[in-house]
Amino acid sequence: MKISQEKRLLEWLQSGKGIDPLTAWTELGIYRLSARIFDAKEHGANIRKTSKVVFNRYGEKFTVAWYTL
């Protein structure tokens, strides 16, 4: 049985870990994280969004979404 992206996301968050878009892609195979967050919230999940600063390989600073339960 194939597990849905939303279920993988919720299991990740329920384990106490936060997630950003790059982690969602590399660890869970979720390319459109914000869409899966929206779906999970529609189904009652209490997901919080904050910001996280990251640096790319060139040392450039970016702010990305950081989601937790």
N, C-alpha and C. Protein backbone atom coordinates (compact mmCIF):
# COMPACT_ATOMS: atom_id res chain seq x y z
N MET A 1 0.84 -1.18 0.00
CA MET A 1 0.00 0.00 0.00
C MET A 1 0.88 1.24 0.00
N LYS A 2 0.56 2.17 -0.85
CA LYS A 2 1.33 3.40 -1.00
C LYS A 2 0.87 4.43 0.04
N ILE A 3 1.81 5.01 0.76
CA ILE A 3 1.48 6.02 1.77
C ILE A 3 1.43 7.40 1.10
N SER A 4 0.46 8.21 1.48
CA SER A 4 0.31 9.53 0.86
C SER A 4 1.37 10.49 1.38
N GLN A 5 1.62 11.52 0.59
CA GLN A 5 2.58 12.55 1.00
C GLN A 5 2.10 13.24 2.28
N GLU A 6 0.81 13.48 2.39
CA GLU A 6 0.28 14.12 3.58
C GLU A 6 0.54 13.26 4.81
N LYS A 7 0.34 11.96 4.70
CA LYS A 7 0.58 11.06 5.83
C LYS A 7 2.06 11.02 6.20
N ARG A 8 2.94 10.96 5.19
CA ARG A 8 4.39 11.00 5.47
C ARG A 8 4.75 12.28 6.20
N LEU A 9 4.20 13.40 5.75
CA LEU A 9 4.47 14.69 6.37
C LEU A 9 4.01 14.70 7.82
N LEU A 10 2.79 14.24 8.08
CA LEU A 10 2.27 14.24 9.45
C LEU A 10 3.07 13.32 10.36
N GLU A 11 3.49 12.17 9.85
CA GLU A 11 4.31 11.26 10.66
C GLU A 11 5.64 11.93 11.01
N TRP A 12 6.23 12.64 10.07
CA TRP A 12 7.48 13.36 10.31
C TRP A 12 7.29 14.40 11.41
N LEU A 13 6.25 15.21 11.28
CA LEU A 13 6.00 16.27 12.26
C LEU A 13 5.62 15.69 13.62
N GLN A 14 4.85 14.62 13.65
CA GLN A 14 4.45 13.99 14.91
C GLN A 14 5.63 13.37 15.64
N SER A 15 6.71 13.10 14.93
CA SER A 15 7.90 12.55 15.58
C SER A 15 8.69 13.65 16.31
N GLY A 16 8.21 14.89 16.22
CA GLY A 16 8.86 16.00 16.93
C GLY A 16 9.81 16.81 16.08
N LYS A 17 9.92 16.47 14.81
CA LYS A 17 10.82 17.19 13.92
C LYS A 17 10.09 18.30 13.19
N GLY A 18 10.81 19.37 12.89
CA GLY A 18 10.30 20.42 12.02
C GLY A 18 10.72 20.12 10.59
N ILE A 19 10.16 20.89 9.66
CA ILE A 19 10.50 20.64 8.26
C ILE A 19 10.50 21.93 7.45
N ASP A 20 11.42 21.99 6.51
CA ASP A 20 11.48 23.09 5.55
C ASP A 20 11.36 22.48 4.15
N PRO A 21 11.20 23.31 3.12
CA PRO A 21 11.00 22.76 1.77
C PRO A 21 12.11 21.84 1.27
N LEU A 22 13.36 22.15 1.54
CA LEU A 22 14.44 21.29 1.07
C LEU A 22 14.41 19.92 1.75
N THR A 23 14.17 19.91 3.05
CA THR A 23 14.07 18.64 3.78
C THR A 23 12.88 17.83 3.29
N ALA A 24 11.76 18.51 3.03
CA ALA A 24 10.58 17.81 2.52
C ALA A 24 10.91 17.11 1.21
N TRP A 25 11.66 17.77 0.36
CA TRP A 25 12.00 17.20 -0.94
C TRP A 25 12.99 16.04 -0.79
N THR A 26 14.06 16.26 -0.02
CA THR A 26 15.11 15.24 0.06
C THR A 26 14.73 14.05 0.94
N GLU A 27 13.99 14.27 2.00
CA GLU A 27 13.68 13.19 2.94
C GLU A 27 12.33 12.52 2.68
N LEU A 28 11.36 13.30 2.20
CA LEU A 28 10.00 12.75 2.05
C LEU A 28 9.50 12.70 0.62
N GLY A 29 10.27 13.25 -0.32
CA GLY A 29 9.84 13.25 -1.71
C GLY A 29 8.68 14.19 -1.99
N ILE A 30 8.53 15.21 -1.15
CA ILE A 30 7.44 16.19 -1.30
C ILE A 30 8.01 17.44 -1.92
N TYR A 31 7.60 17.73 -3.15
CA TYR A 31 8.10 18.91 -3.86
C TYR A 31 7.31 20.16 -3.50
N ARG A 32 6.01 20.04 -3.36
CA ARG A 32 5.16 21.20 -3.03
C ARG A 32 4.73 21.12 -1.57
N LEU A 33 5.65 21.41 -0.67
CA LEU A 33 5.40 21.31 0.76
C LEU A 33 4.22 22.16 1.19
N SER A 34 4.15 23.40 0.72
CA SER A 34 3.06 24.28 1.16
C SER A 34 1.69 23.72 0.79
N ALA A 35 1.59 23.02 -0.33
CA ALA A 35 0.32 22.41 -0.73
C ALA A 35 -0.05 21.27 0.22
N ARG A 36 0.94 20.48 0.62
CA ARG A 36 0.65 19.38 1.56
C ARG A 36 0.32 19.93 2.95
N ILE A 37 0.96 21.04 3.34
CA ILE A 37 0.63 21.69 4.62
C ILE A 37 -0.82 22.17 4.58
N PHE A 38 -1.21 22.79 3.47
CA PHE A 38 -2.58 23.26 3.30
C PHE A 38 -3.56 22.10 3.44
N ASP A 39 -3.28 20.99 2.76
CA ASP A 39 -4.16 19.81 2.84
C ASP A 39 -4.28 19.31 4.28
N ALA A 40 -3.14 19.20 4.96
CA ALA A 40 -3.14 18.69 6.33
C ALA A 40 -3.95 19.62 7.25
N LYS A 41 -3.81 20.92 7.06
CA LYS A 41 -4.58 21.87 7.87
C LYS A 41 -6.07 21.74 7.58
N GLU A 42 -6.41 21.52 6.33
CA GLU A 42 -7.82 21.32 5.95
C GLU A 42 -8.40 20.09 6.64
N HIS A 43 -7.55 19.11 6.93
CA HIS A 43 -7.98 17.90 7.62
C HIS A 43 -7.80 17.98 9.13
N GLY A 44 -7.54 19.19 9.65
CA GLY A 44 -7.52 19.41 11.09
C GLY A 44 -6.17 19.47 11.77
N ALA A 45 -5.08 19.33 11.06
CA ALA A 45 -3.75 19.37 11.69
C ALA A 45 -3.44 20.80 12.14
N ASN A 46 -2.86 20.92 13.32
CA ASN A 46 -2.50 22.23 13.88
C ASN A 46 -1.01 22.49 13.61
N ILE A 47 -0.70 22.85 12.38
CA ILE A 47 0.69 23.06 11.97
C ILE A 47 1.02 24.54 12.06
N ARG A 48 2.16 24.83 12.69
CA ARG A 48 2.61 26.22 12.85
C ARG A 48 3.72 26.52 11.85
N LYS A 49 3.72 27.75 11.36
CA LYS A 49 4.73 28.19 10.40
C LYS A 49 5.53 29.34 11.01
N THR A 50 6.84 29.20 10.96
CA THR A 50 7.76 30.28 11.33
C THR A 50 8.77 30.40 10.19
N SER A 51 9.79 31.19 10.42
CA SER A 51 10.83 31.36 9.41
C SER A 51 12.15 30.80 9.92
N LYS A 52 12.98 30.39 8.99
CA LYS A 52 14.29 29.85 9.31
C LYS A 52 15.29 30.42 8.30
N VAL A 53 16.44 30.86 8.77
CA VAL A 53 17.48 31.39 7.88
C VAL A 53 18.41 30.24 7.48
N VAL A 54 18.66 30.15 6.18
CA VAL A 54 19.57 29.14 5.63
C VAL A 54 20.55 29.81 4.68
N PHE A 55 21.63 29.11 4.39
CA PHE A 55 22.63 29.63 3.46
C PHE A 55 22.81 28.64 2.32
N ASN A 56 22.96 29.14 1.11
CA ASN A 56 23.20 28.25 -0.02
C ASN A 56 24.69 27.97 -0.13
N ARG A 57 25.08 27.21 -1.12
CA ARG A 57 26.48 26.81 -1.27
C ARG A 57 27.41 27.99 -1.55
N TYR A 58 26.86 29.14 -1.92
CA TYR A 58 27.66 30.33 -2.20
C TYR A 58 27.71 31.28 -1.01
N GLY A 59 27.14 30.85 0.12
CA GLY A 59 27.14 31.68 1.31
C GLY A 59 26.06 32.74 1.33
N GLU A 60 25.14 32.68 0.36
CA GLU A 60 24.05 33.65 0.32
C GLU A 60 22.96 33.24 1.31
N LYS A 61 22.43 34.23 2.01
CA LYS A 61 21.44 33.99 3.06
C LYS A 61 20.02 34.08 2.50
N PHE A 62 19.19 33.13 2.92
CA PHE A 62 17.78 33.10 2.53
C PHE A 62 16.92 32.78 3.73
N THR A 63 15.68 33.21 3.68
CA THR A 63 14.70 32.86 4.70
C THR A 63 13.69 31.92 4.08
N VAL A 64 13.46 30.78 4.74
CA VAL A 64 12.52 29.79 4.24
C VAL A 64 11.49 29.50 5.31
N ALA A 65 10.39 28.88 4.90
CA ALA A 65 9.33 28.48 5.84
C ALA A 65 9.83 27.29 6.67
N TRP A 66 9.45 27.28 7.95
CA TRP A 66 9.78 26.20 8.87
C TRP A 66 8.49 25.78 9.56
N TYR A 67 8.08 24.53 9.38
CA TYR A 67 6.80 24.05 9.90
C TYR A 67 7.01 23.08 11.05
N THR A 68 6.17 23.22 12.08
CA THR A 68 6.19 22.31 13.23
C THR A 68 4.74 22.07 13.69
N LEU A 69 4.58 21.07 14.53
CA LEU A 69 3.27 20.84 15.17
C LEU A 69 3.25 21.55 16.50
